[in-house]
PDB file of N, CA and C in Angstrom:
ATOM      1  N   MET A   1      -2.464 -14.351  -9.652  1.00  0.00           N
ATOM      2  CA  MET A   1      -3.896 -14.278  -9.771  1.00  0.00           C
ATOM      3  C   MET A   1      -4.529 -14.684  -8.448  1.00  0.00           C
ATOM      4  N   ALA A   2      -5.401 -13.860  -7.955  1.00  0.00           N
ATOM      5  CA  ALA A   2      -6.073 -14.137  -6.691  1.00  0.00           C
ATOM      6  C   ALA A   2      -7.442 -14.759  -6.935  1.00  0.00           C
ATOM      7  N   ASP A   3      -7.760 -15.800  -6.156  1.00  0.00           N
ATOM      8  CA  ASP A   3      -9.103 -16.367  -6.174  1.00  0.00           C
ATOM      9  C   ASP A   3     -10.010 -15.609  -5.226  1.00  0.00           C
ATOM     10  N   ASN A   4      -9.414 -15.027  -4.189  1.00  0.00           N
ATOM     11  CA  ASN A   4     -10.173 -14.271  -3.200  1.00  0.00           C
ATOM     12  C   ASN A   4      -9.467 -12.964  -2.887  1.00  0.00           C
ATOM     13  N   ILE A   5     -10.210 -11.902  -2.896  1.00  0.00           N
ATOM     14  CA  ILE A   5      -9.749 -10.597  -2.423  1.00  0.00           C
ATOM     15  C   ILE A   5     -10.785 -10.159  -1.406  1.00  0.00           C
ATOM     16  N   ILE A   6     -10.333  -9.811  -0.222  1.00  0.00           N
ATOM     17  CA  ILE A   6     -11.250  -9.487   0.874  1.00  0.00           C
ATOM     18  C   ILE A   6     -11.061  -8.032   1.280  1.00  0.00           C
ATOM     19  N   GLY A   7     -12.150  -7.284   1.323  1.00  0.00           N
ATOM     20  CA  GLY A   7     -12.106  -5.897   1.783  1.00  0.00           C
ATOM     21  C   GLY A   7     -11.946  -5.845   3.290  1.00  0.00           C
ATOM     22  N   ASN A   8     -11.118  -4.926   3.771  1.00  0.00           N
ATOM     23  CA  ASN A   8     -10.848  -4.828   5.209  1.00  0.00           C
ATOM     24  C   ASN A   8     -11.800  -3.897   5.954  1.00  0.00           C
ATOM     25  N   HIS A   9     -12.701  -3.221   5.263  1.00  0.00           N
ATOM     26  CA  HIS A   9     -13.687  -2.315   5.899  1.00  0.00           C
ATOM     27  C   HIS A   9     -13.012  -1.287   6.815  1.00  0.00           C
ATOM     28  N   ASP A  10     -11.874  -0.783   6.406  1.00  0.00           N
ATOM     29  CA  ASP A  10     -11.101   0.117   7.267  1.00  0.00           C
ATOM     30  C   ASP A  10     -11.172   1.575   6.841  1.00  0.00           C
ATOM     31  N   GLY A  11     -12.007   1.874   5.877  1.00  0.00           N
ATOM     32  CA  GLY A  11     -12.139   3.253   5.418  1.00  0.00           C
ATOM     33  C   GLY A  11     -13.306   3.956   6.075  1.00  0.00           C
ATOM     34  N   GLU A  12     -13.491   5.179   5.657  1.00  0.00           N
ATOM     35  CA  GLU A  12     -14.600   5.976   6.167  1.00  0.00           C
ATOM     36  C   GLU A  12     -15.926   5.281   5.879  1.00  0.00           C
ATOM     37  N   LYS A  13     -16.775   5.205   6.857  1.00  0.00           N
ATOM     38  CA  LYS A  13     -18.104   4.570   6.761  1.00  0.00           C
ATOM     39  C   LYS A  13     -18.028   3.119   6.301  1.00  0.00           C
ATOM     40  N   GLY A  14     -16.955   2.423   6.644  1.00  0.00           N
ATOM     41  CA  GLY A  14     -16.832   1.002   6.326  1.00  0.00           C
ATOM     42  C   GLY A  14     -16.329   0.682   4.942  1.00  0.00           C
ATOM     43  N   GLY A  15     -15.906   1.686   4.203  1.00  0.00           N
ATOM     44  CA  GLY A  15     -15.334   1.439   2.877  1.00  0.00           C
ATOM     45  C   GLY A  15     -14.010   0.699   2.995  1.00  0.00           C
ATOM     46  N   ASN A  16     -13.484   0.268   1.880  1.00  0.00           N
ATOM     47  CA  ASN A  16     -12.227  -0.483   1.875  1.00  0.00           C
ATOM     48  C   ASN A  16     -11.071   0.390   1.405  1.00  0.00           C
ATOM     49  N   ASP A  17     -10.212   0.762   2.338  1.00  0.00           N
ATOM     50  CA  ASP A  17      -8.981   1.460   1.974  1.00  0.00           C
ATOM     51  C   ASP A  17      -7.861   0.467   1.707  1.00  0.00           C
ATOM     52  N   THR A  18      -7.966  -0.727   2.321  1.00  0.00           N
ATOM     53  CA  THR A  18      -6.996  -1.798   2.092  1.00  0.00           C
ATOM     54  C   THR A  18      -7.742  -3.107   1.903  1.00  0.00           C
ATOM     55  N   TYR A  19      -7.025  -4.065   1.320  1.00  0.00           N
ATOM     56  CA  TYR A  19      -7.595  -5.375   1.013  1.00  0.00           C
ATOM     57  C   TYR A  19      -6.640  -6.466   1.481  1.00  0.00           C
ATOM     58  N   THR A  20      -7.171  -7.675   1.632  1.00  0.00           N
ATOM     59  CA  THR A  20      -6.384  -8.847   1.982  1.00  0.00           C
ATOM     60  C   THR A  20      -6.519  -9.871   0.868  1.00  0.00           C
ATOM     61  N   ILE A  21      -5.382 -10.455   0.478  1.00  0.00           N
ATOM     62  CA  ILE A  21      -5.375 -11.592  -0.432  1.00  0.00           C
ATOM     63  C   ILE A  21      -4.778 -12.748   0.355  1.00  0.00           C
ATOM     64  N   PRO A  22      -5.582 -13.793   0.655  1.00  0.00           N
ATOM     65  CA  PRO A  22      -5.056 -14.924   1.411  1.00  0.00           C
ATOM     66  C   PRO A  22      -3.803 -15.498   0.756  1.00  0.00           C
ATOM     67  N   GLY A  23      -2.778 -15.712   1.561  1.00  0.00           N
ATOM     68  CA  GLY A  23      -1.515 -16.222   1.066  1.00  0.00           C
ATOM     69  C   GLY A  23      -0.545 -15.138   0.621  1.00  0.00           C
ATOM     70  N   ARG A  24      -1.045 -13.931   0.461  1.00  0.00           N
ATOM     71  CA  ARG A  24      -0.191 -12.814   0.044  1.00  0.00           C
ATOM     72  C   ARG A  24      -0.041 -11.785   1.153  1.00  0.00           C
ATOM     73  N   GLY A  25      -1.093 -11.585   1.921  1.00  0.00           N
ATOM     74  CA  GLY A  25      -0.991 -10.652   3.030  1.00  0.00           C
ATOM     75  C   GLY A  25      -2.178  -9.719   3.104  1.00  0.00           C
ATOM     76  N   SER A  26      -2.139  -8.910   4.146  1.00  0.00           N
ATOM     77  CA  SER A  26      -3.216  -7.957   4.373  1.00  0.00           C
ATOM     78  C   SER A  26      -2.691  -6.538   4.229  1.00  0.00           C
ATOM     79  N   ASN A  27      -3.594  -5.601   4.316  1.00  0.00           N
ATOM     80  CA  ASN A  27      -3.265  -4.173   4.214  1.00  0.00           C
ATOM     81  C   ASN A  27      -2.647  -3.797   2.870  1.00  0.00           C
ATOM     82  N   ILE A  28      -3.141  -4.421   1.802  1.00  0.00           N
ATOM     83  CA  ILE A  28      -2.719  -4.050   0.455  1.00  0.00           C
ATOM     84  C   ILE A  28      -3.542  -2.827   0.067  1.00  0.00           C
ATOM     85  N   PRO A  29      -2.904  -1.713  -0.265  1.00  0.00           N
ATOM     86  CA  PRO A  29      -3.639  -0.477  -0.550  1.00  0.00           C
ATOM     87  C   PRO A  29      -4.615  -0.618  -1.723  1.00  0.00           C
ATOM     88  N   LYS A  30      -5.728   0.091  -1.608  1.00  0.00           N
ATOM     89  CA  LYS A  30      -6.752   0.091  -2.648  1.00  0.00           C
ATOM     90  C   LYS A  30      -6.151   0.448  -4.006  1.00  0.00           C
ATOM     91  N   SER A  31      -5.290   1.438  -4.051  1.00  0.00           N
ATOM     92  CA  SER A  31      -4.714   1.867  -5.331  1.00  0.00           C
ATOM     93  C   SER A  31      -3.928   0.742  -6.003  1.00  0.00           C
ATOM     94  N   LYS A  32      -3.238  -0.070  -5.219  1.00  0.00           N
ATOM     95  CA  LYS A  32      -2.453  -1.182  -5.772  1.00  0.00           C
ATOM     96  C   LYS A  32      -3.366  -2.284  -6.306  1.00  0.00           C
ATOM     97  N   ILE A  33      -4.402  -2.641  -5.549  1.00  0.00           N
ATOM     98  CA  ILE A  33      -5.342  -3.671  -5.989  1.00  0.00           C
ATOM     99  C   ILE A  33      -6.054  -3.233  -7.268  1.00  0.00           C
ATOM    100  N   VAL A  34      -6.528  -1.991  -7.301  1.00  0.00           N
ATOM    101  CA  VAL A  34      -7.221  -1.470  -8.481  1.00  0.00           C
ATOM    102  C   VAL A  34      -6.300  -1.526  -9.698  1.00  0.00           C
ATOM    103  N   LYS A  35      -5.056  -1.116  -9.532  1.00  0.00           N
ATOM    104  CA  LYS A  35      -4.096  -1.131 -10.640  1.00  0.00           C
ATOM    105  C   LYS A  35      -3.857  -2.562 -11.135  1.00  0.00           C
ATOM    106  N   GLU A  36      -3.729  -3.513 -10.199  1.00  0.00           N
ATOM    107  CA  GLU A  36      -3.512  -4.913 -10.581  1.00  0.00           C
ATOM    108  C   GLU A  36      -4.719  -5.476 -11.325  1.00  0.00           C
ATOM    109  N   ILE A  37      -5.918  -5.154 -10.859  1.00  0.00           N
ATOM    110  CA  ILE A  37      -7.140  -5.635 -11.524  1.00  0.00           C
ATOM    111  C   ILE A  37      -7.234  -5.056 -12.932  1.00  0.00           C
ATOM    112  N   GLU A  38      -7.002  -3.766 -13.054  1.00  0.00           N
ATOM    113  CA  GLU A  38      -7.105  -3.114 -14.365  1.00  0.00           C
ATOM    114  C   GLU A  38      -6.043  -3.595 -15.345  1.00  0.00           C
ATOM    115  N   SER A  39      -4.905  -4.087 -14.823  1.00  0.00           N
ATOM    116  CA  SER A  39      -3.860  -4.601 -15.717  1.00  0.00           C
ATOM    117  C   SER A  39      -4.071  -6.076 -16.052  1.00  0.00           C
ATOM    118  N   GLY A  40      -5.138  -6.690 -15.496  1.00  0.00           N
ATOM    119  CA  GLY A  40      -5.477  -8.061 -15.841  1.00  0.00           C
ATOM    120  C   GLY A  40      -4.899  -9.130 -14.936  1.00  0.00           C
ATOM    121  N   LYS A  41      -4.274  -8.750 -13.826  1.00  0.00           N
ATOM    122  CA  LYS A  41      -3.670  -9.736 -12.931  1.00  0.00           C
ATOM    123  C   LYS A  41      -4.697 -10.597 -12.199  1.00  0.00           C
ATOM    124  N   HIS A  42      -5.898 -10.094 -12.018  1.00  0.00           N
ATOM    125  CA  HIS A  42      -6.942 -10.808 -11.285  1.00  0.00           C
ATOM    126  C   HIS A  42      -8.201 -10.856 -12.163  1.00  0.00           C
ATOM    127  N   PRO A  43      -8.266 -11.819 -13.090  1.00  0.00           N
ATOM    128  CA  PRO A  43      -9.341 -11.828 -14.088  1.00  0.00           C
ATOM    129  C   PRO A  43     -10.746 -12.061 -13.539  1.00  0.00           C
ATOM    130  N   ASN A  44     -10.882 -12.553 -12.333  1.00  0.00           N
ATOM    131  CA  ASN A  44     -12.213 -12.772 -11.756  1.00  0.00           C
ATOM    132  C   ASN A  44     -12.743 -11.535 -11.023  1.00  0.00           C
ATOM    133  N   PHE A  45     -12.016 -10.446 -11.120  1.00  0.00           N
ATOM    134  CA  PHE A  45     -12.399  -9.219 -10.428  1.00  0.00           C
ATOM    135  C   PHE A  45     -12.430  -8.054 -11.401  1.00  0.00           C
ATOM    136  N   THR A  46     -13.173  -7.020 -11.034  1.00  0.00           N
ATOM    137  CA  THR A  46     -13.286  -5.812 -11.830  1.00  0.00           C
ATOM    138  C   THR A  46     -13.269  -4.627 -10.859  1.00  0.00           C
ATOM    139  N   THR A  47     -13.387  -3.431 -11.392  1.00  0.00           N
ATOM    140  CA  THR A  47     -13.444  -2.255 -10.531  1.00  0.00           C
ATOM    141  C   THR A  47     -14.770  -1.542 -10.729  1.00  0.00           C
ATOM    142  N   THR A  48     -15.136  -0.777  -9.747  1.00  0.00           N
ATOM    143  CA  THR A  48     -16.337   0.042  -9.817  1.00  0.00           C
ATOM    144  C   THR A  48     -15.996   1.409  -9.240  1.00  0.00           C
ATOM    145  N   VAL A  49     -16.702   2.434  -9.683  1.00  0.00           N
ATOM    146  CA  VAL A  49     -16.476   3.793  -9.182  1.00  0.00           C
ATOM    147  C   VAL A  49     -17.636   4.166  -8.271  1.00  0.00           C
ATOM    148  N   ILE A  50     -17.304   4.539  -7.038  1.00  0.00           N
ATOM    149  CA  ILE A  50     -18.289   4.979  -6.053  1.00  0.00           C
ATOM    150  C   ILE A  50     -17.844   6.339  -5.546  1.00  0.00           C
ATOM    151  N   ASN A  51     -18.687   7.330  -5.727  1.00  0.00           N
ATOM    152  CA  ASN A  51     -18.373   8.703  -5.313  1.00  0.00           C
ATOM    153  C   ASN A  51     -17.013   9.160  -5.822  1.00  0.00           C
ATOM    154  N   GLY A  52     -16.713   8.823  -7.072  1.00  0.00           N
ATOM    155  CA  GLY A  52     -15.484   9.271  -7.707  1.00  0.00           C
ATOM    156  C   GLY A  52     -14.247   8.463  -7.367  1.00  0.00           C
ATOM    157  N   GLU A  53     -14.359   7.411  -6.539  1.00  0.00           N
ATOM    158  CA  GLU A  53     -13.210   6.576  -6.173  1.00  0.00           C
ATOM    159  C   GLU A  53     -13.395   5.177  -6.725  1.00  0.00           C
ATOM    160  N   LYS A  54     -12.302   4.579  -7.209  1.00  0.00           N
ATOM    161  CA  LYS A  54     -12.357   3.219  -7.726  1.00  0.00           C
ATOM    162  C   LYS A  54     -12.170   2.218  -6.587  1.00  0.00           C
ATOM    163  N   TYR A  55     -12.980   1.168  -6.634  1.00  0.00           N
ATOM    164  CA  TYR A  55     -12.906   0.078  -5.667  1.00  0.00           C
ATOM    165  C   TYR A  55     -12.874  -1.243  -6.425  1.00  0.00           C
ATOM    166  N   ALA A  56     -12.346  -2.281  -5.773  1.00  0.00           N
ATOM    167  CA  ALA A  56     -12.343  -3.624  -6.335  1.00  0.00           C
ATOM    168  C   ALA A  56     -13.675  -4.294  -6.067  1.00  0.00           C
ATOM    169  N   LYS A  57     -14.093  -5.161  -7.005  1.00  0.00           N
ATOM    170  CA  LYS A  57     -15.275  -5.983  -6.772  1.00  0.00           C
ATOM    171  C   LYS A  57     -15.161  -7.253  -7.594  1.00  0.00           C
ATOM    172  N   ALA A  58     -15.806  -8.307  -7.112  1.00  0.00           N
ATOM    173  CA  ALA A  58     -15.812  -9.572  -7.840  1.00  0.00           C
ATOM    174  C   ALA A  58     -16.735  -9.449  -9.048  1.00  0.00           C
ATOM    175  N   LYS A  59     -16.357 -10.106 -10.134  1.00  0.00           N
ATOM    176  CA  LYS A  59     -17.233 -10.139 -11.300  1.00  0.00           C
ATOM    177  C   LYS A  59     -18.469 -10.957 -10.940  1.00  0.00           C
ATOM    178  N   PRO A  60     -19.625 -10.590 -11.480  1.00  0.00           N
ATOM    179  CA  PRO A  60     -20.865 -11.301 -11.151  1.00  0.00           C
ATOM    180  C   PRO A  60     -20.796 -12.793 -11.510  1.00  0.00           C
ATOM    181  N   ASN A  61     -21.251 -13.605 -10.565  1.00  0.00           N
ATOM    182  CA  ASN A  61     -21.403 -15.044 -10.773  1.00  0.00           C
ATOM    183  C   ASN A  61     -22.353 -15.562  -9.694  1.00  0.00           C
ATOM    184  N   ILE A  62     -22.590 -16.853  -9.650  1.00  0.00           N
ATOM    185  CA  ILE A  62     -23.543 -17.385  -8.677  1.00  0.00           C
ATOM    186  C   ILE A  62     -22.918 -17.663  -7.310  1.00  0.00           C
ATOM    187  N   LYS A  63     -21.605 -17.547  -7.188  1.00  0.00           N
ATOM    188  CA  LYS A  63     -20.931 -17.817  -5.915  1.00  0.00           C
ATOM    189  C   LYS A  63     -20.990 -16.601  -5.001  1.00  0.00           C
ATOM    190  N   THR A  64     -21.060 -16.846  -3.704  1.00  0.00           N
ATOM    191  CA  THR A  64     -20.977 -15.752  -2.729  1.00  0.00           C
ATOM    192  C   THR A  64     -19.654 -15.773  -1.972  1.00  0.00           C
ATOM    193  N   ASN A  65     -18.933 -16.894  -2.006  1.00  0.00           N
ATOM    194  CA  ASN A  65     -17.694 -16.982  -1.230  1.00  0.00           C
ATOM    195  C   ASN A  65     -16.536 -16.213  -1.851  1.00  0.00           C
ATOM    196  N   ASP A  66     -16.709 -15.658  -3.039  1.00  0.00           N
ATOM    197  CA  ASP A  66     -15.643 -14.846  -3.636  1.00  0.00           C
ATOM    198  C   ASP A  66     -15.966 -13.354  -3.625  1.00  0.00           C
ATOM    199  N   ASN A  67     -17.067 -12.981  -2.998  1.00  0.00           N
ATOM    200  CA  ASN A  67     -17.421 -11.561  -2.920  1.00  0.00           C
ATOM    201  C   ASN A  67     -16.449 -10.820  -2.012  1.00  0.00           C
ATOM    202  N   ILE A  68     -16.103  -9.609  -2.379  1.00  0.00           N
ATOM    203  CA  ILE A  68     -15.130  -8.827  -1.621  1.00  0.00           C
ATOM    204  C   ILE A  68     -15.643  -8.480  -0.225  1.00  0.00           C
ATOM    205  N   ASN A  69     -16.886  -8.072  -0.119  1.00  0.00           N
ATOM    206  CA  ASN A  69     -17.437  -7.660   1.177  1.00  0.00           C
ATOM    207  C   ASN A  69     -18.380  -8.721   1.737  1.00  0.00           C
ATOM    208  N   ARG A  70     -17.910  -9.939   1.765  1.00  0.00           N
ATOM    209  CA  ARG A  70     -18.755 -11.005   2.313  1.00  0.00           C
ATOM    210  C   ARG A  70     -18.862 -10.873   3.825  1.00  0.00           C
ATOM    211  N   SER A  71     -19.958 -11.346   4.348  1.00  0.00           N
ATOM    212  CA  SER A  71     -20.205 -11.222   5.791  1.00  0.00           C
ATOM    213  C   SER A  71     -19.584 -12.371   6.543  1.00  0.00           C
TER     214      SER A  71
END
């Protein structure tokens, strides 16, 4: 279970094709992260569909330090 998933902004127009999980590594493919989230491995995260593609996102809460695309 990941507390933080960070988007790498390496896709077209700054989208996330890969993600980083601190302590696990970087360049984890979007398809793998989405599959793990949908199977319940990361309960604090969900997926969203943008232009027909699924992406990872943090579930809504008052914290900003767990957002995927934090600045």
